[in-house]
Amino acid sequence: MTGVPFPCPASGSRRLPLLSRAFALVLVLMAVLLALLLLRALGAAMQGADFNADAWTILDLSRHLTPGEGFYRVGIVRQYNLALDHGSSYGFLAPGLLALANALSDAGIYGLFFLMAAAGAALPVPLATVLRKSGAPPLAAWTGAFSLFALALAIPEFFADLFRASTIPLSALLLTMMLALLPAAGAMTLARAALLGLLGGLAALNRFDVNLYVGAFTLVVAAAASGGTGRRLSCAGLYALALGLTLSPWIVYSLLVFGRPYVSDNSAVALAVDRFYVTDLIPAARATVFTDPAGWLARVVANAADTGNLLAGMWSAGPIAPVLTLAALLLGAVVLGCAGKARVALRLPRYAKLVALSAVLSWLLLVGPVLTGYQENIRYFSITILLVMLAVTVLLGAAAWPLAGAAGPRASAWPARLLLAGLLGAFALVLGPLAGQTDALGPAVFALKDKNQRLGGDGDPTAEYLRCLPAGARVFMLYPYDNPKLADSLRFGAMSDRMVFLMPGNWRRLPLADKRAFLRDARLSHLVLDESRPTGDLVDPAMGLVPVPQPGCPGVYTLPLP
């Protein structure tokens, strides 16, 4: 590109003022505005929160961490393909953190709420560290960090995850911390490799859908090492060893309770040929990848195509993603053009290559949703999108920052200034949509919702459950997933000493013989119906239901002992 006219203002100065005081002031004001929006959203979610089954399950599991026969027993049963009385939905990290938080504060489920909101709010710190290690000046790194954080929040599901006690923000924090821990220069030390393995193991104990990514991250660790093949193998091996040791408690638990080395409640869904959900009562005689690999592959390919369509729909749903994509392409052209005019050979530093490799590997985070068919929930795309945006920013900066400080009269700060302006512009672009998402949550009331902290309060439907269902009961709450009473049954299962079984998603389609066999095998003592709705397709006289003798207990029945 030498000699080709290109609008690239030159400067002979090595020290180019990339950030003026006005720019820094604007950044600080926008960061404060974002913090205020998130604080308002936190207040609105505190009072309006109706936590989903995942959050109540984690609270339930956090109450059963004492070693012994009752370890990791559940009060909420919503999978029917493994041992029913023990947890297999979540690893030990989130329940363990919540148990610790409640030992200190007794906040109940709000302990999880605040932990996950804090994890999400902390994301700019590792993001800024990654950008700083890639060569960005300090204020530029923070500009990029806040911009990327705001862009991630512009994904409605990720924004919602910050304020519904979801574990996804914690996974995002742990995975970006792994990138921040990679060495920017110099060799990967064995201690750093072990610490990366610990972080990867914690991420896997938080969510099982990161397993493939943290396993493949071994390649990143090996690439970050130097000093020959032996050194690379040593670092990769120590990373894998630390990863395995961190996961070993779950492996031991899986073997002792379920008889398999690594249990996950969605494994049956992922391996089945037909589409099921984790909440379904999946028949034992189902076709699987081992009996019908062609049928299984056809389902997975269809899910992958659907994932591609969903990602394309997300990209084209509004102006933000297309505008940012075009801006990144134009900026890349400017960087290359300025480099050609300045006769500067652009070489990507090793750290930028490591971040780029991790972004490629982040697509493994979508394998779980594709195998299970849960890709329709776009919340599972959030971390991959964040890591890809981070890699693009690092790659653009890795070329722009050196060009700004290159020697010679043709060095130019123009690409760096354009990158900074673009990051700040992206930040500003999403503040409006974020304000709209915050308003949709309702007014901010910084008070905890009483019914989320205790059962049986005034007007609380769980008071009826406490009165009508004896301690230790195994209760089948036969509420379809569109019934508002389901939320109360989740609270009841998580906070009482009764064991609550949720209605399988395919209950209506099951033959009567299968329903009766389930009631018998699960050793259910009671069944609860919402008799304000039709129940003919839910129960049958052959089930032998007997109304409980207590007055004022409509829809509560005992079941015959097996």
Protein backbone atom coordinates (compact mmCIF):
# COMPACT_ATOMS: atom_id res chain seq x y z
CA MET A 1 0.00 0.00 0.00
CA THR A 2 3.08 2.25 -0.07
CA GLY A 3 2.59 5.34 -2.22
CA VAL A 4 -1.19 4.96 -2.35
CA PRO A 5 -2.92 8.17 -1.22
CA PHE A 6 -4.58 7.47 2.13
CA PRO A 7 -6.17 9.99 4.52
CA CYS A 8 -3.94 9.14 7.47
CA PRO A 9 -2.66 12.27 9.28
CA ALA A 10 0.96 11.78 10.26
CA SER A 11 2.83 12.85 13.36
CA GLY A 12 6.46 12.55 14.13
CA SER A 13 5.87 12.40 17.85
CA ARG A 14 6.28 9.08 19.65
CA ARG A 15 4.09 10.26 22.51
CA LEU A 16 0.69 11.06 21.13
CA PRO A 17 -2.05 12.34 23.48
CA LEU A 18 -4.74 9.77 22.79
CA LEU A 19 -7.08 10.87 25.57
CA SER A 20 -7.90 14.45 26.33
CA ARG A 21 -9.32 15.59 29.62
CA ALA A 22 -12.69 16.14 27.95
CA PHE A 23 -12.70 12.56 26.70
CA ALA A 24 -11.85 11.24 30.15
CA LEU A 25 -14.60 13.36 31.71
CA VAL A 26 -17.18 12.04 29.23
CA LEU A 27 -16.09 8.48 29.98
CA VAL A 28 -16.43 9.00 33.73
CA LEU A 29 -19.87 10.58 33.35
CA MET A 30 -21.10 7.72 31.14
CA ALA A 31 -19.71 5.13 33.56
CA VAL A 32 -21.52 6.86 36.42
CA LEU A 33 -24.73 6.91 34.38
CA LEU A 34 -24.39 3.17 33.69
CA ALA A 35 -23.79 2.51 37.39
CA LEU A 36 -26.92 4.49 38.29
CA LEU A 37 -28.97 2.55 35.75
CA LEU A 38 -27.74 -0.75 37.19
CA LEU A 39 -28.40 0.42 40.73
CA ARG A 40 -31.96 1.38 39.80
CA ALA A 41 -32.42 -2.00 38.09
CA LEU A 42 -31.13 -3.71 41.24
CA GLY A 43 -33.70 -1.89 43.38
CA ALA A 44 -36.53 -2.73 40.99
CA ALA A 45 -35.54 -6.40 40.81
CA MET A 46 -35.23 -6.71 44.61
CA GLN A 47 -38.91 -6.04 45.08
CA GLY A 48 -40.28 -7.46 41.86
CA ALA A 49 -38.19 -10.61 41.72
CA ASP A 50 -40.00 -13.89 41.19
CA PHE A 51 -37.01 -16.17 41.00
CA ASN A 52 -37.05 -19.07 38.57
CA ALA A 53 -36.56 -22.77 39.25
CA ASP A 54 -32.77 -22.54 38.84
CA ALA A 55 -32.39 -19.98 41.63
CA TRP A 56 -34.66 -21.85 44.04
CA THR A 57 -32.82 -25.10 43.25
CA ILE A 58 -29.49 -23.50 44.20
CA LEU A 59 -30.99 -22.23 47.47
CA ASP A 60 -32.35 -25.72 48.09
CA LEU A 61 -28.96 -27.34 47.48
CA SER A 62 -27.16 -24.77 49.65
CA ARG A 63 -29.18 -26.03 52.63
CA HIS A 64 -27.87 -29.59 52.20
CA LEU A 65 -24.09 -29.32 52.21
CA THR A 66 -23.43 -30.96 55.57
CA PRO A 67 -21.43 -34.18 55.09
CA GLY A 68 -23.45 -37.30 55.74
CA GLU A 69 -26.45 -39.14 54.40
CA GLY A 70 -28.32 -35.93 53.65
CA PHE A 71 -25.49 -34.34 51.63
CA TYR A 72 -26.79 -32.61 48.49
CA ARG A 73 -30.29 -33.98 48.94
CA VAL A 74 -32.97 -31.96 47.23
CA GLY A 75 -36.26 -30.42 48.27
CA ILE A 76 -37.17 -29.65 44.65
CA VAL A 77 -37.21 -32.53 42.16
CA ARG A 78 -37.46 -31.47 38.52
CA GLN A 79 -35.52 -34.21 36.72
CA TYR A 80 -36.67 -37.82 36.63
CA ASN A 81 -33.87 -39.65 34.84
CA LEU A 82 -31.31 -39.99 37.65
CA ALA A 83 -31.47 -40.64 41.39
CA LEU A 84 -34.36 -38.41 42.44
CA ASP A 85 -33.31 -37.55 45.98
CA HIS A 86 -29.93 -35.94 45.15
CA GLY A 87 -28.93 -32.88 43.17
CA SER A 88 -27.51 -33.12 39.66
CA SER A 89 -28.53 -29.76 38.18
CA TYR A 90 -25.65 -27.68 39.53
CA GLY A 91 -22.12 -28.25 40.70
CA PHE A 92 -20.98 -27.21 44.14
CA LEU A 93 -19.80 -23.62 43.49
CA ALA A 94 -23.01 -21.56 43.53
CA PRO A 95 -24.66 -23.54 46.37
CA GLY A 96 -21.40 -23.36 48.34
CA LEU A 97 -21.06 -19.59 47.87
CA LEU A 98 -24.70 -19.12 48.85
CA ALA A 99 -24.28 -21.28 51.97
CA LEU A 100 -21.30 -19.13 52.97
CA ALA A 101 -23.20 -15.91 52.27
CA ASN A 102 -26.16 -17.07 54.34
CA ALA A 103 -23.89 -18.11 57.20
CA LEU A 104 -22.75 -14.50 57.30
CA SER A 105 -25.96 -12.64 56.50
CA ASP A 106 -29.00 -14.98 56.51
CA ALA A 107 -30.25 -13.29 53.33
CA GLY A 108 -31.78 -16.47 51.91
CA ILE A 109 -32.19 -16.46 48.15
CA TYR A 110 -31.22 -12.80 48.09
CA GLY A 111 -27.70 -13.89 48.97
CA LEU A 112 -27.55 -15.55 45.54
CA PHE A 113 -29.23 -12.51 43.98
CA PHE A 114 -26.56 -10.14 45.29
CA LEU A 115 -23.67 -12.52 44.57
CA MET A 116 -24.58 -12.91 40.91
CA ALA A 117 -25.35 -9.21 40.45
CA ALA A 118 -21.94 -8.38 41.97
CA ALA A 119 -20.22 -10.91 39.69
CA GLY A 120 -21.79 -9.25 36.67
CA ALA A 121 -20.96 -5.74 37.87
CA ALA A 122 -17.31 -6.78 38.36
CA LEU A 123 -16.86 -7.74 34.69
CA PRO A 124 -15.23 -4.43 33.62
CA VAL A 125 -12.22 -5.20 35.86
CA PRO A 126 -10.95 -8.32 34.01
CA LEU A 127 -12.02 -6.81 30.69
CA ALA A 128 -9.89 -3.72 31.37
CA THR A 129 -6.99 -5.95 32.45
CA VAL A 130 -7.15 -7.87 29.16
CA LEU A 131 -7.21 -4.65 27.13
CA ARG A 132 -4.38 -3.18 29.19
CA LYS A 133 -2.25 -6.26 28.61
CA SER A 134 -2.95 -5.99 24.89
CA GLY A 135 -1.26 -2.58 24.81
CA ALA A 136 -4.08 -0.11 25.42
CA PRO A 137 -3.32 2.97 27.55
CA PRO A 138 -5.08 2.88 30.95
CA LEU A 139 -8.03 5.13 30.11
CA ALA A 140 -8.40 3.45 26.73
CA ALA A 141 -8.55 0.07 28.46
CA TRP A 142 -11.30 1.27 30.79
CA THR A 143 -13.16 2.83 27.86
CA GLY A 144 -13.11 -0.50 26.09
CA ALA A 145 -14.06 -2.40 29.24
CA PHE A 146 -17.13 -0.30 29.96
CA SER A 147 -18.12 -0.30 26.31
CA LEU A 148 -17.93 -4.11 26.07
CA PHE A 149 -19.79 -4.49 29.36
CA ALA A 150 -22.55 -2.17 28.15
CA LEU A 151 -22.77 -4.01 24.82
CA ALA A 152 -23.15 -7.33 26.66
CA LEU A 153 -25.90 -5.81 28.79
CA ALA A 154 -27.65 -4.75 25.59
CA ILE A 155 -28.43 -8.46 25.12
CA PRO A 156 -31.77 -8.46 26.99
CA GLU A 157 -31.31 -11.95 28.42
CA PHE A 158 -27.86 -11.14 29.82
CA PHE A 159 -29.21 -7.93 31.36
CA ALA A 160 -32.00 -9.96 32.96
CA ASP A 161 -29.52 -12.57 34.19
CA LEU A 162 -27.80 -9.96 36.34
CA PHE A 163 -31.01 -9.44 38.30
CA ARG A 164 -32.60 -12.89 38.61
CA ALA A 165 -29.89 -14.78 40.49
CA SER A 166 -28.63 -16.53 37.34
CA THR A 167 -25.22 -18.19 37.42
CA ILE A 168 -24.28 -16.94 33.94
CA PRO A 169 -22.71 -13.65 35.17
CA LEU A 170 -20.41 -15.63 37.49
CA SER A 171 -19.33 -17.86 34.60
CA ALA A 172 -18.62 -14.77 32.48
CA LEU A 173 -16.52 -13.31 35.29
CA LEU A 174 -14.49 -16.50 35.83
CA LEU A 175 -13.80 -17.00 32.10
CA THR A 176 -12.69 -13.39 31.57
CA MET A 177 -10.51 -13.68 34.68
CA MET A 178 -8.77 -16.61 32.99
CA LEU A 179 -7.94 -14.38 30.02
CA ALA A 180 -6.75 -11.62 32.33
CA LEU A 181 -4.40 -14.07 34.07
CA LEU A 182 -2.62 -15.08 30.85
CA PRO A 183 0.89 -13.60 30.63
CA ALA A 184 1.16 -10.56 28.36
CA ALA A 185 4.87 -11.14 27.94
CA GLY A 186 7.34 -13.72 29.13
CA ALA A 187 6.80 -17.38 29.73
CA MET A 188 3.81 -19.08 31.29
CA THR A 189 4.85 -20.19 34.77
CA LEU A 190 3.74 -23.46 36.30
CA ALA A 191 2.06 -21.58 39.17
CA ARG A 192 0.06 -19.50 36.71
CA ALA A 193 -0.96 -22.62 34.78
CA ALA A 194 -2.19 -24.21 38.03
CA LEU A 195 -4.14 -21.09 38.97
CA LEU A 196 -5.77 -21.05 35.53
CA GLY A 197 -6.77 -24.68 36.07
CA LEU A 198 -8.33 -23.75 39.40
CA LEU A 199 -10.37 -20.97 37.77
CA GLY A 200 -11.44 -23.29 34.97
CA GLY A 201 -12.53 -25.92 37.48
CA LEU A 202 -14.53 -23.37 39.45
CA ALA A 203 -16.23 -22.24 36.24
CA ALA A 204 -17.17 -25.86 35.47
CA LEU A 205 -18.47 -26.34 39.02
CA ASN A 206 -20.64 -23.29 38.42
CA ARG A 207 -22.16 -24.34 35.09
CA PHE A 208 -21.70 -27.63 33.25
CA ASP A 209 -22.04 -25.97 29.82
CA VAL A 210 -18.51 -24.50 30.13
CA ASN A 211 -16.85 -27.93 30.43
CA LEU A 212 -15.76 -28.18 26.80
CA TYR A 213 -14.39 -24.64 26.80
CA VAL A 214 -12.29 -25.00 29.95
CA GLY A 215 -11.04 -28.34 28.67
CA ALA A 216 -10.04 -26.85 25.32
CA PHE A 217 -8.41 -23.93 27.14
CA THR A 218 -5.50 -26.33 27.61
CA LEU A 219 -4.52 -25.27 24.07
CA VAL A 220 -4.38 -21.62 25.16
CA VAL A 221 -2.18 -22.51 28.12
CA ALA A 222 0.15 -24.52 25.90
CA ALA A 223 0.32 -21.66 23.37
CA ALA A 224 1.13 -19.19 26.15
CA ALA A 225 4.09 -21.29 27.30
CA SER A 226 7.49 -20.99 25.72
CA GLY A 227 10.79 -22.80 25.94
CA GLY A 228 10.12 -25.82 23.80
CA THR A 229 7.71 -28.73 23.65
CA GLY A 230 8.57 -29.99 27.11
CA ARG A 231 7.69 -26.69 28.74
CA ARG A 232 4.43 -26.45 26.81
CA LEU A 233 3.46 -29.97 27.84
CA SER A 234 4.38 -29.27 31.46
CA CYS A 235 2.19 -26.14 31.62
CA ALA A 236 -0.69 -27.80 29.79
CA GLY A 237 -0.41 -30.88 31.99
CA LEU A 238 -0.37 -28.87 35.20
CA TYR A 239 -3.39 -26.86 34.00
CA ALA A 240 -5.25 -30.09 33.27
CA LEU A 241 -4.21 -31.55 36.64
CA ALA A 242 -5.43 -28.46 38.55
CA LEU A 243 -8.63 -28.51 36.54
CA GLY A 244 -9.20 -32.17 37.38
CA LEU A 245 -8.39 -31.73 41.06
CA THR A 246 -10.85 -28.81 41.32
CA LEU A 247 -13.51 -30.98 39.71
CA SER A 248 -12.64 -34.07 41.76
CA PRO A 249 -15.27 -33.47 44.50
CA TRP A 250 -17.99 -33.57 41.84
CA ILE A 251 -16.45 -36.68 40.28
CA VAL A 252 -16.38 -38.48 43.62
CA TYR A 253 -19.95 -37.41 44.41
CA SER A 254 -21.14 -38.55 40.97
CA LEU A 255 -19.55 -41.97 41.39
CA LEU A 256 -20.85 -42.52 44.91
CA VAL A 257 -24.43 -41.36 44.31
CA PHE A 258 -25.11 -41.97 40.62
CA GLY A 259 -22.54 -44.59 39.69
CA ARG A 260 -21.05 -42.53 36.84
CA PRO A 261 -17.92 -40.36 36.75
CA TYR A 262 -19.48 -37.01 35.86
CA VAL A 263 -23.20 -36.56 36.27
CA SER A 264 -25.35 -33.83 34.73
CA ASP A 265 -29.14 -33.78 34.68
CA ASN A 266 -29.18 -32.86 30.98
CA SER A 267 -27.04 -35.78 29.82
CA ALA A 268 -30.08 -37.91 28.93
CA VAL A 269 -31.54 -35.03 26.91
CA ALA A 270 -28.29 -34.47 25.00
CA LEU A 271 -27.90 -38.15 24.06
CA ALA A 272 -31.52 -38.86 23.07
CA VAL A 273 -32.62 -39.02 19.43
CA ASP A 274 -36.04 -37.51 20.11
CA ARG A 275 -36.29 -34.05 21.61
CA PHE A 276 -36.85 -34.00 25.35
CA TYR A 277 -36.46 -31.52 28.15
CA VAL A 278 -34.78 -32.09 31.47
CA THR A 279 -38.18 -31.83 33.16
CA ASP A 280 -39.66 -34.64 31.04
CA LEU A 281 -40.16 -38.18 32.23
CA ILE A 282 -37.88 -39.73 29.60
CA PRO A 283 -38.62 -43.39 28.80
CA ALA A 284 -35.86 -45.85 29.58
CA ALA A 285 -36.31 -47.52 26.17
CA ARG A 286 -35.59 -44.31 24.23
CA ALA A 287 -33.37 -44.25 21.14
CA THR A 288 -29.98 -42.63 21.78
CA VAL A 289 -26.86 -41.67 19.86
CA PHE A 290 -25.56 -45.18 20.58
CA THR A 291 -28.57 -46.97 19.05
CA ASP A 292 -29.47 -44.53 16.26
CA PRO A 293 -26.50 -42.25 15.51
CA ALA A 294 -27.98 -41.05 12.22
CA GLY A 295 -31.21 -39.93 13.88
CA TRP A 296 -29.30 -38.22 16.67
CA LEU A 297 -27.05 -36.43 14.18
CA ALA A 298 -30.07 -35.20 12.21
CA ARG A 299 -31.54 -33.64 15.36
CA VAL A 300 -28.24 -31.99 16.31
CA VAL A 301 -27.70 -30.60 12.79
CA ALA A 302 -31.20 -29.12 12.84
CA ASN A 303 -30.47 -27.56 16.23
CA ALA A 304 -27.17 -26.12 14.91
CA ALA A 305 -28.96 -24.60 11.93
CA ASP A 306 -31.54 -23.11 14.26
CA THR A 307 -28.73 -21.66 16.37
CA GLY A 308 -27.27 -20.00 13.29
CA ASN A 309 -30.65 -18.52 12.42
CA LEU A 310 -31.09 -17.23 15.97
CA LEU A 311 -27.66 -15.59 15.96
CA ALA A 312 -28.38 -14.01 12.59
CA GLY A 313 -31.72 -12.78 13.92
CA MET A 314 -30.04 -11.28 16.98
CA TRP A 315 -27.50 -9.52 14.75
CA SER A 316 -30.14 -8.03 12.47
CA ALA A 317 -32.77 -7.27 15.13
CA GLY A 318 -31.66 -3.66 15.57
CA PRO A 319 -29.17 -1.16 14.25
CA ILE A 320 -26.53 -1.66 16.96
CA ALA A 321 -24.91 -4.91 15.78
CA PRO A 322 -24.76 -4.04 12.04
CA VAL A 323 -23.41 -0.55 12.79
CA LEU A 324 -20.70 -1.91 15.09
CA THR A 325 -19.74 -4.61 12.57
CA LEU A 326 -19.39 -2.04 9.78
CA ALA A 327 -17.41 0.28 12.07
CA ALA A 328 -15.00 -2.54 13.01
CA LEU A 329 -14.44 -3.40 9.34
CA LEU A 330 -13.82 0.24 8.41
CA LEU A 331 -11.44 0.68 11.32
CA GLY A 332 -9.54 -2.42 10.27
CA ALA A 333 -9.17 -0.94 6.79
CA VAL A 334 -7.94 2.35 8.29
CA VAL A 335 -5.35 0.55 10.41
CA LEU A 336 -4.02 -1.39 7.45
CA GLY A 337 -4.02 1.71 5.26
CA CYS A 338 -2.14 3.79 7.82
CA ALA A 339 0.32 0.98 8.40
CA GLY A 340 1.01 0.78 4.68
CA LYS A 341 1.47 4.51 4.39
CA ALA A 342 3.76 4.63 7.43
CA ARG A 343 5.68 1.55 6.20
CA VAL A 344 5.03 -0.12 9.55
CA ALA A 345 4.97 -3.91 9.59
CA LEU A 346 2.07 -5.00 11.79
CA ARG A 347 2.75 -8.05 13.91
CA LEU A 348 0.15 -9.32 16.33
CA PRO A 349 1.63 -9.81 19.79
CA ARG A 350 1.31 -13.25 21.34
CA TYR A 351 -1.22 -12.06 23.92
CA ALA A 352 -3.61 -10.83 21.20
CA LYS A 353 -3.33 -14.23 19.51
CA LEU A 354 -4.18 -15.97 22.79
CA VAL A 355 -7.31 -13.84 23.24
CA ALA A 356 -8.29 -14.53 19.64
CA LEU A 357 -7.79 -18.28 20.15
CA SER A 358 -9.98 -18.17 23.26
CA ALA A 359 -12.71 -16.41 21.25
CA VAL A 360 -12.61 -19.21 18.69
CA LEU A 361 -12.83 -21.80 21.46
CA SER A 362 -15.74 -19.90 23.06
CA TRP A 363 -18.05 -21.30 20.39
CA LEU A 364 -17.76 -24.56 22.32
CA LEU A 365 -20.02 -22.90 24.89
CA LEU A 366 -22.85 -23.36 22.39
CA VAL A 367 -22.34 -27.10 22.02
CA GLY A 368 -24.42 -27.88 25.12
CA PRO A 369 -27.46 -25.86 23.99
CA VAL A 370 -27.20 -27.39 20.51
CA LEU A 371 -26.99 -30.97 21.84
CA THR A 372 -29.92 -30.48 24.21
CA GLY A 373 -32.06 -28.34 21.92
CA TYR A 374 -32.11 -25.47 24.41
CA GLN A 375 -30.62 -23.04 21.88
CA GLU A 376 -33.95 -21.24 21.70
CA ASN A 377 -32.97 -19.52 24.96
CA ILE A 378 -30.52 -16.88 23.74
CA ARG A 379 -29.13 -16.35 27.25
CA TYR A 380 -26.71 -19.17 26.47
CA PHE A 381 -25.12 -17.06 23.71
CA SER A 382 -24.11 -14.16 25.96
CA ILE A 383 -20.63 -15.25 27.04
CA THR A 384 -19.58 -16.27 23.52
CA ILE A 385 -20.71 -12.90 22.14
CA LEU A 386 -18.81 -11.08 24.91
CA LEU A 387 -15.56 -13.01 24.30
CA VAL A 388 -15.78 -12.49 20.54
CA MET A 389 -16.33 -8.73 20.98
CA LEU A 390 -13.37 -8.64 23.38
CA ALA A 391 -11.13 -10.41 20.85
CA VAL A 392 -12.13 -8.03 18.04
CA THR A 393 -11.33 -5.04 20.27
CA VAL A 394 -7.97 -6.54 21.27
CA LEU A 395 -7.04 -7.27 17.64
CA LEU A 396 -7.92 -3.76 16.46
CA GLY A 397 -6.06 -2.22 19.38
CA ALA A 398 -3.04 -4.46 18.93
CA ALA A 399 -2.57 -2.81 15.53
CA ALA A 400 -3.69 0.72 16.40
CA TRP A 401 -1.67 1.33 19.59
CA PRO A 402 1.76 0.42 18.13
CA LEU A 403 1.02 2.47 15.02
CA ALA A 404 0.33 5.52 17.18
CA GLY A 405 3.70 5.22 18.87
CA ALA A 406 5.76 4.10 15.91
CA ALA A 407 9.01 5.85 15.13
CA GLY A 408 9.34 8.13 12.16
CA PRO A 409 7.51 11.11 10.73
CA ARG A 410 4.68 9.03 9.29
CA ALA A 411 3.50 7.48 12.54
CA SER A 412 -0.17 8.25 13.15
CA ALA A 413 -2.45 8.31 16.15
CA TRP A 414 -5.49 8.51 13.91
CA PRO A 415 -6.48 4.79 14.05
CA ALA A 416 -6.09 4.79 17.84
CA ARG A 417 -8.22 7.90 18.16
CA LEU A 418 -10.86 6.39 15.86
CA LEU A 419 -10.88 3.21 17.94
CA LEU A 420 -11.35 5.21 21.13
CA ALA A 421 -14.11 7.28 19.58
CA GLY A 422 -15.77 4.10 18.34
CA LEU A 423 -15.65 2.47 21.76
CA LEU A 424 -17.07 5.53 23.44
CA GLY A 425 -19.71 5.81 20.71
CA ALA A 426 -20.73 2.17 21.20
CA PHE A 427 -21.00 2.83 24.93
CA ALA A 428 -23.28 5.83 24.28
CA LEU A 429 -25.27 3.90 21.67
CA VAL A 430 -26.53 1.31 24.14
CA LEU A 431 -27.27 3.57 27.11
CA GLY A 432 -30.72 4.38 25.70
CA PRO A 433 -31.79 0.73 25.27
CA LEU A 434 -30.39 -0.07 28.73
CA ALA A 435 -32.46 2.73 30.23
CA GLY A 436 -35.52 1.23 28.54
CA GLN A 437 -34.78 -2.23 29.96
CA THR A 438 -34.36 -0.68 33.40
CA ASP A 439 -37.68 1.17 33.19
CA ALA A 440 -39.42 -2.08 32.24
CA LEU A 441 -38.45 -3.56 35.62
CA GLY A 442 -40.65 -1.05 37.45
CA PRO A 443 -39.89 1.36 40.28
CA ALA A 444 -36.82 0.87 42.43
CA VAL A 445 -37.69 -0.22 45.95
CA PHE A 446 -34.61 -1.14 47.96
CA ALA A 447 -36.35 -3.67 50.20
CA LEU A 448 -36.40 -7.44 50.20
CA LYS A 449 -39.61 -9.21 49.28
CA ASP A 450 -40.92 -10.86 52.43
CA LYS A 451 -42.34 -13.95 50.75
CA ASN A 452 -38.91 -14.75 49.26
CA GLN A 453 -37.42 -14.96 52.75
CA ARG A 454 -39.99 -16.91 54.74
CA LEU A 455 -43.00 -19.16 54.23
CA GLY A 456 -46.54 -18.80 55.49
CA GLY A 457 -46.79 -15.02 55.76
CA ASP A 458 -50.03 -13.07 55.45
CA GLY A 459 -51.64 -13.88 52.12
CA ASP A 460 -48.90 -16.36 51.23
CA PRO A 461 -50.32 -19.51 49.56
CA THR A 462 -47.56 -21.57 51.20
CA ALA A 463 -49.41 -21.18 54.51
CA GLU A 464 -51.93 -23.68 53.17
CA TYR A 465 -49.16 -26.09 52.20
CA LEU A 466 -47.62 -25.86 55.66
CA ARG A 467 -50.98 -26.63 57.25
CA CYS A 468 -52.07 -29.42 54.91
CA LEU A 469 -48.83 -31.25 54.20
CA PRO A 470 -46.98 -32.99 57.06
CA ALA A 471 -43.26 -32.62 57.66
CA GLY A 472 -41.25 -35.03 55.55
CA ALA A 473 -44.00 -35.43 52.93
CA ARG A 474 -43.04 -36.29 49.35
CA VAL A 475 -45.41 -34.01 47.45
CA PHE A 476 -46.31 -34.11 43.76
CA MET A 477 -47.23 -30.52 42.81
CA LEU A 478 -49.25 -31.16 39.68
CA TYR A 479 -49.07 -27.61 38.33
CA PRO A 480 -48.41 -27.11 34.60
CA TYR A 481 -45.64 -24.65 33.77
CA ASP A 482 -48.10 -21.91 32.84
CA ASN A 483 -49.72 -22.02 36.29
CA PRO A 484 -48.76 -19.07 38.56
CA LYS A 485 -48.90 -21.42 41.57
CA LEU A 486 -45.76 -23.13 40.34
CA ALA A 487 -43.62 -20.28 41.73
CA ASP A 488 -45.08 -20.83 45.20
CA SER A 489 -44.39 -24.56 45.02
CA LEU A 490 -40.73 -23.83 44.17
CA ARG A 491 -40.39 -21.56 47.19
CA PHE A 492 -42.06 -24.19 49.34
CA GLY A 493 -39.71 -26.95 48.20
CA ALA A 494 -36.60 -24.80 48.70
CA MET A 495 -37.47 -23.50 52.18
CA SER A 496 -39.56 -26.21 53.86
CA ASP A 497 -38.76 -29.71 55.10
CA ARG A 498 -41.07 -31.26 52.50
CA MET A 499 -39.84 -32.70 49.22
CA VAL A 500 -41.59 -31.18 46.20
CA PHE A 501 -41.78 -32.99 42.86
CA LEU A 502 -42.65 -30.77 39.89
CA MET A 503 -44.93 -32.00 37.13
CA PRO A 504 -42.97 -33.61 34.25
CA GLY A 505 -43.29 -31.55 31.10
CA ASN A 506 -44.70 -34.49 29.14
CA TRP A 507 -47.05 -35.68 31.91
CA ARG A 508 -50.22 -35.16 29.86
CA ARG A 509 -48.87 -37.35 27.04
CA LEU A 510 -47.85 -40.28 29.24
CA PRO A 511 -49.95 -43.48 29.35
CA LEU A 512 -51.80 -44.06 32.62
CA ALA A 513 -49.61 -47.07 33.39
CA ASP A 514 -46.48 -44.91 33.20
CA LYS A 515 -48.05 -42.28 35.45
CA ARG A 516 -48.97 -44.85 38.08
CA ALA A 517 -45.52 -46.40 37.88
CA PHE A 518 -43.95 -42.96 38.45
CA LEU A 519 -46.12 -42.27 41.49
CA ARG A 520 -45.09 -45.63 42.92
CA ASP A 521 -41.38 -45.47 42.11
CA ALA A 522 -40.99 -41.91 43.41
CA ARG A 523 -42.62 -42.98 46.71
CA LEU A 524 -44.95 -39.97 46.65
CA SER A 525 -47.17 -39.47 49.67
CA HIS A 526 -49.26 -36.47 48.58
CA LEU A 527 -50.53 -34.85 45.41
CA VAL A 528 -51.61 -31.22 44.98
CA LEU A 529 -53.92 -29.98 42.21
CA ASP A 530 -55.20 -26.58 41.15
CA GLU A 531 -58.89 -27.48 40.98
CA SER A 532 -59.82 -24.05 39.66
CA ARG A 533 -58.56 -25.40 36.33
CA PRO A 534 -59.52 -28.56 34.41
CA THR A 535 -57.64 -31.57 35.80
CA GLY A 536 -59.06 -34.43 33.74
CA ASP A 537 -55.86 -34.88 31.74
CA LEU A 538 -53.70 -34.73 34.86
CA VAL A 539 -55.19 -37.35 37.19
CA ASP A 540 -57.26 -40.50 36.93
CA PRO A 541 -59.49 -42.32 39.45
CA ALA A 542 -57.18 -45.34 39.11
CA MET A 543 -54.51 -43.37 40.93
CA GLY A 544 -56.43 -43.85 44.19
CA LEU A 545 -56.38 -40.23 45.35
CA VAL A 546 -57.88 -39.58 48.80
CA PRO A 547 -58.57 -36.01 50.04
CA VAL A 548 -56.62 -35.13 53.17
CA PRO A 549 -58.82 -35.09 56.30
CA GLN A 550 -57.88 -31.52 57.34
CA PRO A 551 -60.51 -28.90 56.52
CA GLY A 552 -59.51 -26.01 54.26
CA CYS A 553 -57.17 -28.05 52.07
CA PRO A 554 -58.75 -28.02 48.59
CA GLY A 555 -56.87 -29.96 45.94
CA VAL A 556 -54.60 -31.74 48.45
CA TYR A 557 -54.71 -35.55 48.31
CA THR A 558 -52.90 -38.50 49.81
CA LEU A 559 -51.63 -41.28 47.62
CA PRO A 560 -51.78 -44.99 48.43
CA LEU A 561 -48.56 -46.36 49.81
CA PRO A 562 -46.58 -48.41 47.26
